[in-house]
Protein backbone atom coordinates (compact mmCIF):
# COMPACT_ATOMS: atom_id res chain seq x y z
CA MET A 1 125.32 187.78 187.59
CA ALA A 2 126.65 185.97 184.54
CA HIS A 3 126.76 182.22 184.97
CA GLN A 4 129.72 180.24 183.72
CA PHE A 5 128.06 176.82 183.74
CA TYR A 6 127.71 176.84 179.96
CA GLU A 7 131.36 175.80 179.68
CA THR A 8 132.43 174.85 183.21
CA CYS A 9 129.67 172.71 184.73
CA ALA A 10 130.40 168.99 184.42
CA TYR A 11 126.69 168.14 184.35
CA PHE A 12 125.60 170.77 181.86
CA THR A 13 128.46 170.30 179.38
CA ALA A 14 128.20 166.49 179.52
CA ALA A 15 124.41 166.58 179.05
CA ARG A 16 124.70 169.00 176.13
CA TYR A 17 127.36 166.81 174.49
CA LEU A 18 125.26 163.69 175.13
CA ARG A 19 122.24 165.22 173.38
CA ALA A 20 124.33 166.02 170.30
CA VAL A 21 126.10 162.65 170.15
CA GLU A 22 122.80 160.86 170.78
CA GLN A 23 121.25 162.56 167.75
CA LEU A 24 124.25 161.58 165.62
CA THR A 25 124.21 158.00 166.92
CA ASP A 26 120.45 157.62 166.42
CA LYS A 27 120.92 158.67 162.80
CA ILE A 28 123.84 156.31 162.18
CA PHE A 29 122.17 153.31 163.89
CA ALA A 30 118.83 153.87 162.10
CA PRO A 31 119.49 150.91 159.71
CA THR A 32 119.09 148.54 162.70
CA GLY A 33 115.51 149.71 163.15
CA LEU A 34 116.15 150.16 166.89
CA LYS A 35 117.66 152.75 169.20
CA PRO A 36 121.45 152.36 169.64
CA ALA A 37 121.11 150.99 173.19
CA TYR A 38 119.70 147.76 171.75
CA SER A 39 122.71 147.41 169.45
CA TYR A 40 125.14 147.93 172.31
CA ILE A 41 123.40 145.21 174.34
CA MET A 42 123.55 142.87 171.36
CA MET A 43 127.23 143.63 170.70
CA ALA A 44 128.07 143.12 174.39
CA LEU A 45 126.38 139.72 174.13
CA GLU A 46 128.31 139.04 170.93
CA ASP A 47 131.53 139.65 172.90
CA GLN A 48 130.48 137.27 175.68
CA HIS A 49 127.36 135.18 175.93
CA PRO A 50 125.32 134.26 177.75
CA GLN A 51 125.29 137.05 180.33
CA THR A 52 122.93 137.94 183.14
CA ILE A 53 120.98 141.17 183.40
CA LYS A 54 123.27 142.17 186.28
CA GLU A 55 126.41 141.50 184.23
CA LEU A 56 125.12 143.55 181.29
CA SER A 57 124.00 146.31 183.64
CA THR A 58 127.44 146.53 185.20
CA LYS A 59 129.28 146.36 181.87
CA LEU A 60 127.12 148.93 180.06
CA GLY A 61 126.31 151.24 182.98
CA TYR A 62 122.53 150.95 182.66
CA GLU A 63 120.13 150.29 185.51
CA ARG A 64 119.07 146.65 185.79
CA SER A 65 115.44 147.63 185.18
CA THR A 66 116.46 149.31 181.91
CA ILE A 67 118.40 146.25 180.73
CA SER A 68 115.47 144.03 181.70
CA ARG A 69 113.02 146.15 179.68
CA LEU A 70 115.33 146.32 176.65
CA VAL A 71 116.13 142.59 176.56
CA LYS A 72 112.45 141.70 176.85
CA SER A 73 111.90 143.70 173.67
CA LEU A 74 114.84 141.94 172.01
CA ALA A 75 113.36 138.58 173.08
CA GLN A 76 110.00 139.52 171.53
CA GLN A 77 111.89 140.12 168.28
CA LYS A 78 113.55 136.71 168.68
CA LEU A 79 117.05 138.22 168.78
CA VAL A 80 117.80 136.88 172.28
CA THR A 81 116.51 134.21 174.62
CA LEU A 82 115.82 134.81 178.30
CA GLN A 83 116.21 132.01 180.81
CA ALA A 84 115.51 132.27 184.52
CA GLN A 85 118.32 130.92 186.67
CA GLY A 86 117.10 131.25 190.23
CA ARG A 87 116.80 134.99 190.86
CA ALA A 88 118.96 135.86 187.84
CA THR A 89 117.97 135.98 184.19
CA SER A 90 120.43 134.72 181.60
CA ILE A 91 120.39 136.33 178.16
CA ASP A 92 121.78 134.64 175.07
CA LEU A 93 121.84 135.37 171.36
CA THR A 94 119.65 133.45 168.94
CA ALA A 95 120.61 132.35 165.44
CA ASP A 96 118.24 135.06 164.19
CA SER A 97 120.50 137.71 165.75
CA ALA A 98 123.28 137.25 163.18
CA PRO A 99 121.91 139.64 160.50
CA PHE A 100 121.10 142.26 163.14
CA LEU A 101 124.64 142.04 164.51
CA VAL A 102 126.14 142.47 161.03
CA THR A 103 124.15 145.69 160.65
CA ALA A 104 124.91 146.88 164.21
CA ASN A 105 128.64 146.31 163.76
CA ARG A 106 128.55 148.15 160.44
CA CYS A 107 126.79 151.06 162.17
CA LEU A 108 129.38 151.06 164.97
CA SER A 109 132.19 151.22 162.40
CA HIS A 110 130.41 154.13 160.70
CA LEU A 111 129.98 155.91 164.05
CA THR A 112 133.64 155.36 164.88
CA ALA A 113 134.77 156.75 161.52
CA THR A 114 132.40 159.71 161.79
CA THR A 115 133.46 160.66 165.31
CA ASP A 116 137.14 160.14 164.42
CA GLN A 117 136.67 162.63 161.59
CA LEU A 118 134.60 165.14 163.59
CA LEU A 119 136.60 165.04 166.82
CA GLY A 120 140.07 164.29 165.47
CA ALA A 121 142.86 164.04 168.01
CA ASP A 122 140.53 165.18 170.81
CA LYS A 123 138.49 161.96 170.69
CA ALA A 124 140.91 159.53 172.37
CA PRO A 125 141.74 161.69 175.40
CA MET A 126 138.08 162.74 175.72
CA THR A 127 136.76 159.17 175.79
CA HIS A 128 139.54 158.18 178.20
CA LEU A 129 138.60 161.04 180.54
CA LEU A 130 134.89 160.23 180.28
CA THR A 131 135.58 156.59 181.16
CA THR A 132 137.89 157.46 184.07
CA ASN A 133 135.59 160.14 185.46
CA ASN A 134 132.55 157.87 185.13
CA GLN A 135 134.35 155.27 187.25
CA LYS A 136 135.22 157.90 189.88
CA ILE A 137 131.63 159.11 190.14
CA ARG A 138 130.20 155.58 190.26
CA GLU A 139 132.61 154.69 193.08
CA ASP A 140 131.55 157.80 194.98
CA LEU A 141 127.88 156.91 194.54
CA LYS A 142 128.32 153.46 196.13
């Protein structure tokens, strides 16, 4: 029996694409000295700060435990501050985060330009479908 999952399975094709785009993104974000996830947390905080771990988790689609672990590392590097507020933890940018954010935003612009070039007209509908389908699956998982 010949399997068709190589091109028809939502899980397999998404995971294969993710591995490729992750390699590309790791390469482009290398100037930050951190994995891209750290940059996305920092840029989300740049958009709105302070935020709680729960807010960042919801916005970025990471588990709260993952956000907690990543922001603790950012706090050790003095890029963010963590402040307990009852059961929640508030995360805010420090003044030392400014140079990191300049680099992260430059990397994001480079990634955008690179994926625009590589994916062309397919990029916008693909990212729209990924976003929409992610929301559908997350709703179903509730």
